[in-house]
N, C-alpha and C. Protein backbone atom coordinates (compact mmCIF):
# COMPACT_ATOMS: atom_id res chain seq x y z
N GLN A 1 -15.46 -20.51 4.71
CA GLN A 1 -14.96 -18.99 4.94
C GLN A 1 -13.43 -18.78 5.32
N VAL A 2 -12.86 -17.88 4.35
CA VAL A 2 -11.39 -17.77 4.60
C VAL A 2 -11.33 -16.61 5.92
N GLN A 3 -10.25 -16.84 6.34
CA GLN A 3 -10.00 -15.47 7.54
C GLN A 3 -8.64 -14.90 6.93
N LEU A 4 -8.36 -13.62 7.11
CA LEU A 4 -7.53 -12.89 6.49
C LEU A 4 -6.45 -12.07 7.64
N VAL A 5 -5.43 -12.35 7.58
CA VAL A 5 -4.40 -11.32 8.30
C VAL A 5 -3.41 -10.68 7.36
N GLU A 6 -3.16 -9.33 7.72
CA GLU A 6 -2.42 -8.55 7.25
C GLU A 6 -1.22 -8.48 7.84
N SER A 7 0.00 -8.17 7.14
CA SER A 7 1.35 -7.83 8.03
C SER A 7 2.08 -7.16 7.04
N GLY A 8 3.10 -6.52 7.64
CA GLY A 8 3.98 -5.63 6.48
C GLY A 8 4.00 -3.93 6.51
N GLY A 9 2.90 -3.81 7.48
CA GLY A 9 2.68 -2.17 7.85
C GLY A 9 4.11 -1.49 8.66
N GLY A 10 4.41 -0.20 8.60
CA GLY A 10 5.19 0.45 9.37
C GLY A 10 5.35 1.86 9.06
N LEU A 11 6.60 2.61 9.62
CA LEU A 11 6.69 3.79 9.36
C LEU A 11 7.84 3.82 8.23
N VAL A 12 7.56 4.34 7.07
CA VAL A 12 8.87 4.69 6.13
C VAL A 12 8.73 5.85 5.83
N GLN A 13 9.89 6.42 4.99
CA GLN A 13 10.01 7.85 4.89
C GLN A 13 9.40 7.91 3.35
N PRO A 14 9.03 9.46 2.95
CA PRO A 14 8.64 9.37 1.78
C PRO A 14 9.50 8.96 0.72
N GLY A 15 8.78 8.18 -0.41
CA GLY A 15 9.57 7.71 -1.63
C GLY A 15 10.21 6.39 -1.73
N ALA A 16 10.17 5.81 -0.27
CA ALA A 16 10.40 4.50 -0.05
C ALA A 16 9.50 3.38 -0.47
N PRO A 17 9.86 2.43 -0.85
CA PRO A 17 8.63 0.95 -0.93
C PRO A 17 8.53 0.32 0.14
N LEU A 18 7.30 -0.12 -0.04
CA LEU A 18 6.91 -1.16 1.41
C LEU A 18 5.89 -2.19 0.45
N ARG A 19 6.09 -3.46 1.00
CA ARG A 19 5.07 -4.69 0.59
C ARG A 19 4.22 -5.06 1.93
N LEU A 20 2.87 -4.85 1.54
CA LEU A 20 1.92 -5.58 2.58
C LEU A 20 1.47 -6.87 2.28
N SER A 21 1.37 -7.78 3.38
CA SER A 21 1.13 -9.10 2.65
C SER A 21 -0.25 -9.40 3.62
N CYS A 22 -1.25 -10.64 2.70
CA CYS A 22 -2.45 -10.78 3.46
C CYS A 22 -2.13 -12.27 3.43
N ALA A 23 -2.24 -12.96 4.48
CA ALA A 23 -2.49 -14.22 4.65
C ALA A 23 -3.93 -15.05 4.89
N ALA A 24 -4.31 -15.75 4.05
CA ALA A 24 -5.52 -16.42 4.19
C ALA A 24 -5.52 -17.90 4.53
N SER A 25 -6.72 -18.19 5.31
CA SER A 25 -6.70 -19.43 5.88
C SER A 25 -7.79 -20.08 4.97
N GLY A 26 -8.10 -21.40 4.64
CA GLY A 26 -9.12 -21.79 3.85
C GLY A 26 -8.44 -22.31 2.81
N SER A 27 -9.52 -23.41 2.42
CA SER A 27 -8.79 -24.12 0.99
C SER A 27 -9.60 -23.89 -0.46
N ILE A 28 -10.48 -22.59 -0.14
CA ILE A 28 -11.01 -22.01 -1.43
C ILE A 28 -10.61 -20.52 -1.62
N PHE A 29 -9.48 -20.23 -1.22
CA PHE A 29 -8.86 -19.14 -1.21
C PHE A 29 -8.98 -18.62 -2.77
N SER A 30 -8.55 -19.39 -3.56
CA SER A 30 -8.32 -19.27 -4.75
C SER A 30 -9.55 -18.78 -5.93
N LEU A 31 -10.75 -18.96 -5.16
CA LEU A 31 -12.13 -18.63 -5.73
C LEU A 31 -12.63 -17.09 -5.14
N TYR A 32 -11.68 -16.64 -4.43
CA TYR A 32 -12.17 -15.12 -3.84
C TYR A 32 -11.37 -14.11 -4.53
N TYR A 33 -12.23 -13.31 -4.79
CA TYR A 33 -11.82 -11.85 -5.31
C TYR A 33 -11.44 -11.15 -4.07
N MET A 34 -10.13 -10.81 -4.43
CA MET A 34 -9.27 -10.13 -3.03
C MET A 34 -9.05 -8.73 -3.60
N GLY A 35 -8.95 -8.10 -2.29
CA GLY A 35 -8.75 -6.54 -2.61
C GLY A 35 -8.14 -5.80 -1.43
N TRP A 36 -7.35 -4.65 -1.78
CA TRP A 36 -6.78 -4.01 -0.49
C TRP A 36 -7.50 -2.76 -0.61
N TYR A 37 -8.18 -2.24 0.62
CA TYR A 37 -8.51 -1.06 1.23
C TYR A 37 -7.58 -0.15 1.99
N ARG A 38 -8.07 1.13 1.98
CA ARG A 38 -7.20 1.60 3.10
C ARG A 38 -8.20 3.12 3.23
N GLN A 39 -8.12 3.19 5.02
CA GLN A 39 -8.87 4.29 5.50
C GLN A 39 -7.93 5.21 6.29
N ALA A 40 -7.80 6.46 5.98
CA ALA A 40 -7.04 7.45 6.20
C ALA A 40 -7.94 8.10 7.53
N PRO A 41 -6.64 8.73 8.67
CA PRO A 41 -7.37 9.43 9.71
C PRO A 41 -8.40 10.30 9.35
N GLY A 42 -9.54 10.37 9.58
CA GLY A 42 -10.63 11.30 9.10
C GLY A 42 -11.30 11.10 8.11
N LYS A 43 -11.06 10.12 7.38
CA LYS A 43 -11.62 9.88 5.95
C LYS A 43 -12.28 8.42 5.83
N GLU A 44 -12.94 8.44 4.79
CA GLU A 44 -13.83 7.28 4.66
C GLU A 44 -12.80 6.24 3.98
N ARG A 45 -13.18 4.61 4.15
CA ARG A 45 -12.47 3.79 3.46
C ARG A 45 -12.70 3.75 1.91
N GLU A 46 -11.43 3.47 1.19
CA GLU A 46 -11.43 3.73 0.08
C GLU A 46 -10.79 2.53 -0.63
N LEU A 47 -11.12 2.11 -1.76
CA LEU A 47 -10.64 0.82 -2.60
C LEU A 47 -9.12 1.45 -2.95
N VAL A 48 -8.39 0.62 -2.68
CA VAL A 48 -6.75 0.73 -3.23
C VAL A 48 -6.59 -0.05 -4.56
N ALA A 49 -6.84 -1.46 -4.21
CA ALA A 49 -6.54 -2.16 -5.64
C ALA A 49 -7.51 -3.70 -5.44
N VAL A 50 -7.77 -4.24 -6.55
CA VAL A 50 -8.45 -5.49 -6.39
C VAL A 50 -7.63 -6.45 -7.35
N ILE A 51 -7.95 -7.63 -7.52
CA ILE A 51 -7.46 -8.69 -8.16
C ILE A 51 -8.59 -10.00 -8.25
N SER A 52 -8.82 -10.41 -9.47
CA SER A 52 -9.68 -11.49 -9.72
C SER A 52 -9.09 -12.61 -9.43
N ILE A 53 -9.94 -13.77 -9.59
CA ILE A 53 -9.49 -15.00 -9.59
C ILE A 53 -8.41 -15.39 -10.50
N ASP A 54 -8.62 -15.01 -11.63
CA ASP A 54 -7.62 -15.23 -12.71
C ASP A 54 -6.53 -14.19 -12.96
N GLY A 55 -6.44 -13.09 -11.88
CA GLY A 55 -5.07 -12.41 -11.87
C GLY A 55 -5.62 -10.97 -12.35
N ALA A 56 -6.77 -10.54 -13.08
CA ALA A 56 -6.92 -9.41 -13.78
C ALA A 56 -6.78 -8.34 -12.51
N THR A 57 -6.48 -6.85 -12.71
CA THR A 57 -6.03 -6.22 -11.56
C THR A 57 -6.76 -4.75 -11.89
N ASP A 58 -7.00 -4.06 -10.93
CA ASP A 58 -7.54 -2.77 -10.96
C ASP A 58 -7.16 -2.08 -9.91
N TYR A 59 -7.02 -0.50 -10.39
CA TYR A 59 -6.30 0.43 -9.16
C TYR A 59 -7.14 1.62 -9.10
N ALA A 60 -7.00 2.27 -7.83
CA ALA A 60 -7.37 3.58 -7.81
C ALA A 60 -6.64 4.49 -8.72
N ASP A 61 -7.12 5.62 -9.02
CA ASP A 61 -6.14 6.41 -9.69
C ASP A 61 -5.29 6.80 -8.89
N SER A 62 -5.55 7.15 -7.76
CA SER A 62 -4.40 7.53 -7.04
C SER A 62 -3.03 6.86 -6.76
N VAL A 63 -3.10 5.59 -6.97
CA VAL A 63 -2.18 4.68 -6.76
C VAL A 63 -1.63 4.11 -8.03
N LYS A 64 -2.32 4.12 -8.96
CA LYS A 64 -1.73 3.37 -10.77
C LYS A 64 -0.28 4.05 -10.86
N GLY A 65 0.26 2.97 -11.16
CA GLY A 65 1.84 3.32 -11.33
C GLY A 65 2.92 3.08 -10.53
N ARG A 66 1.99 3.13 -9.02
CA ARG A 66 2.91 3.14 -7.93
C ARG A 66 2.77 1.86 -7.18
N PHE A 67 1.60 1.32 -7.30
CA PHE A 67 1.13 0.05 -6.18
C PHE A 67 1.12 -1.06 -7.26
N THR A 68 1.10 -2.16 -6.54
CA THR A 68 1.09 -3.61 -7.52
C THR A 68 0.32 -4.57 -6.62
N ILE A 69 -0.74 -4.80 -7.04
CA ILE A 69 -1.37 -6.37 -6.36
C ILE A 69 -1.00 -7.55 -6.75
N SER A 70 -0.73 -8.29 -6.25
CA SER A 70 -0.76 -9.79 -6.71
C SER A 70 -1.04 -10.89 -5.80
N ARG A 71 -1.42 -11.97 -6.16
CA ARG A 71 -1.84 -13.13 -5.38
C ARG A 71 -0.92 -14.47 -5.88
N ASP A 72 -0.97 -15.35 -4.58
CA ASP A 72 -0.12 -16.51 -4.95
C ASP A 72 -1.42 -17.58 -4.47
N ASN A 73 -1.93 -18.41 -5.39
CA ASN A 73 -2.91 -18.92 -4.70
C ASN A 73 -2.08 -20.18 -3.96
N ALA A 74 -0.97 -20.85 -4.18
CA ALA A 74 -0.48 -22.21 -3.95
C ALA A 74 -0.30 -21.81 -2.60
N LYS A 75 0.10 -20.43 -2.11
CA LYS A 75 0.46 -19.78 -0.78
C LYS A 75 -0.69 -19.28 -0.06
N ASN A 76 -1.84 -19.20 -0.53
CA ASN A 76 -2.88 -18.22 -0.35
C ASN A 76 -2.65 -16.90 0.36
N MET A 77 -1.96 -16.28 -0.41
CA MET A 77 -1.33 -15.02 0.03
C MET A 77 -1.63 -14.27 -1.31
N VAL A 78 -1.85 -12.75 -0.66
CA VAL A 78 -1.99 -11.47 -1.25
C VAL A 78 -1.11 -10.46 -0.95
N TYR A 79 -0.66 -10.01 -2.16
CA TYR A 79 0.44 -8.92 -1.80
C TYR A 79 -0.03 -7.50 -2.29
N LEU A 80 0.69 -6.44 -1.66
CA LEU A 80 0.51 -4.91 -2.37
C LEU A 80 1.92 -4.51 -2.30
N GLN A 81 2.60 -4.46 -3.36
CA GLN A 81 3.72 -3.59 -3.23
C GLN A 81 3.37 -2.02 -3.69
N MET A 82 4.01 -1.27 -2.71
CA MET A 82 3.82 0.04 -2.76
C MET A 82 5.50 0.63 -2.79
N ASN A 83 5.19 1.34 -3.98
CA ASN A 83 6.53 2.20 -4.53
C ASN A 83 6.13 3.63 -4.28
N SER A 84 7.16 4.22 -4.37
CA SER A 84 7.08 5.84 -4.50
C SER A 84 6.03 6.11 -3.32
N LEU A 85 6.14 5.82 -2.27
CA LEU A 85 5.11 6.43 -1.08
C LEU A 85 5.31 7.86 -0.89
N LYS A 86 4.06 8.31 -0.59
CA LYS A 86 3.71 9.72 -0.16
C LYS A 86 3.13 9.69 1.21
N PRO A 87 3.27 11.25 1.67
CA PRO A 87 2.25 11.23 2.96
C PRO A 87 0.87 10.73 2.99
N GLU A 88 0.40 11.19 1.85
CA GLU A 88 -0.94 10.85 1.60
C GLU A 88 -1.41 9.45 1.66
N ASP A 89 -0.31 8.58 1.34
CA ASP A 89 -0.84 7.28 1.45
C ASP A 89 -0.86 6.39 2.95
N THR A 90 -0.66 7.47 3.87
CA THR A 90 -0.70 7.15 5.27
C THR A 90 -1.96 6.66 5.36
N ALA A 91 -2.46 5.35 5.89
CA ALA A 91 -3.82 5.07 6.56
C ALA A 91 -3.66 3.38 6.96
N VAL A 92 -4.68 3.03 7.45
CA VAL A 92 -4.52 1.81 7.93
C VAL A 92 -5.15 0.84 6.56
N TYR A 93 -4.53 -0.10 6.31
CA TYR A 93 -4.67 -0.72 4.93
C TYR A 93 -5.21 -2.38 5.20
N SER A 94 -6.28 -2.76 4.76
CA SER A 94 -7.00 -3.76 5.14
C SER A 94 -7.20 -4.91 3.64
N CYS A 95 -7.07 -5.96 3.99
CA CYS A 95 -7.30 -6.94 2.76
C CYS A 95 -8.68 -7.39 2.92
N ASN A 96 -9.33 -7.55 1.77
CA ASN A 96 -10.81 -8.07 1.62
C ASN A 96 -10.79 -9.01 0.69
N GLY A 97 -11.75 -9.95 0.99
CA GLY A 97 -12.05 -10.97 0.19
C GLY A 97 -13.45 -11.32 -0.17
N LYS A 98 -14.03 -11.44 -1.40
CA LYS A 98 -15.24 -11.66 -1.75
C LYS A 98 -15.56 -12.92 -2.59
N LEU A 99 -16.60 -13.70 -2.09
CA LEU A 99 -16.89 -14.75 -2.87
C LEU A 99 -18.40 -15.07 -2.78
N GLY A 100 -19.11 -14.59 -3.82
CA GLY A 100 -20.59 -14.62 -3.95
C GLY A 100 -21.17 -13.53 -2.85
N GLY A 101 -22.02 -14.13 -1.71
CA GLY A 101 -22.55 -13.14 -0.87
C GLY A 101 -21.57 -13.14 0.25
N ILE A 102 -20.51 -13.78 0.41
CA ILE A 102 -19.67 -13.63 1.54
C ILE A 102 -18.74 -12.63 1.43
N GLU A 103 -18.19 -11.90 2.38
CA GLU A 103 -17.26 -10.96 2.51
C GLU A 103 -16.29 -10.88 3.57
N VAL A 104 -15.10 -10.94 3.52
CA VAL A 104 -14.57 -11.04 5.14
C VAL A 104 -13.13 -9.95 5.06
N TRP A 105 -12.92 -9.49 5.96
CA TRP A 105 -11.76 -8.44 6.25
C TRP A 105 -10.81 -8.84 7.19
N GLY A 106 -9.37 -8.40 7.07
CA GLY A 106 -8.57 -8.46 7.97
C GLY A 106 -8.60 -7.62 8.97
N GLN A 107 -7.75 -7.86 9.88
CA GLN A 107 -7.67 -6.73 10.96
C GLN A 107 -7.16 -5.67 10.57
N GLY A 108 -6.46 -5.34 9.62
CA GLY A 108 -5.72 -4.10 9.14
C GLY A 108 -4.25 -3.78 9.51
N THR A 109 -3.51 -3.23 8.91
CA THR A 109 -2.16 -2.88 9.28
C THR A 109 -1.84 -1.42 8.85
N LEU A 110 -1.27 -0.73 9.63
CA LEU A 110 -1.00 0.67 9.80
C LEU A 110 0.35 0.89 8.56
N VAL A 111 -0.08 2.00 7.82
CA VAL A 111 1.33 2.39 6.93
C VAL A 111 1.29 4.16 7.32
N THR A 112 2.37 4.50 7.75
CA THR A 112 2.85 5.66 7.95
C THR A 112 4.09 6.24 7.10
N VAL A 113 3.54 7.21 6.39
CA VAL A 113 4.69 7.59 5.31
C VAL A 113 4.87 9.01 6.09
N SER A 114 6.14 9.27 6.57
CA SER A 114 6.47 10.64 7.07
C SER A 114 8.01 10.69 7.03
N SER A 115 8.51 11.86 7.13
CA SER A 115 9.97 11.96 7.27
C SER A 115 10.37 12.37 8.68
């Protein structure tokens, strides 16, 4: 079972870019279906983006065209490139991995978009 650690969160101004990283431990990371989720204050957690083991991606409508998920299986990493950030993107972003009946989560990283 992999363990996930996110990094890259912080305070940015509206319109700025930010890249989140998710480092995974374990030798079978490449078999995991990976995703990024976020939870804004007072709201339920929502799916942001997912990437399959062969690199197919899907996005929430609210981030399509602005966010890009990618993975580097050789480095056991998943990334979320976020462009044109908006105040409504403010949330705790968490990395998620699924393999069969196994589901793992990172601890989350806070992204705050504010001027």
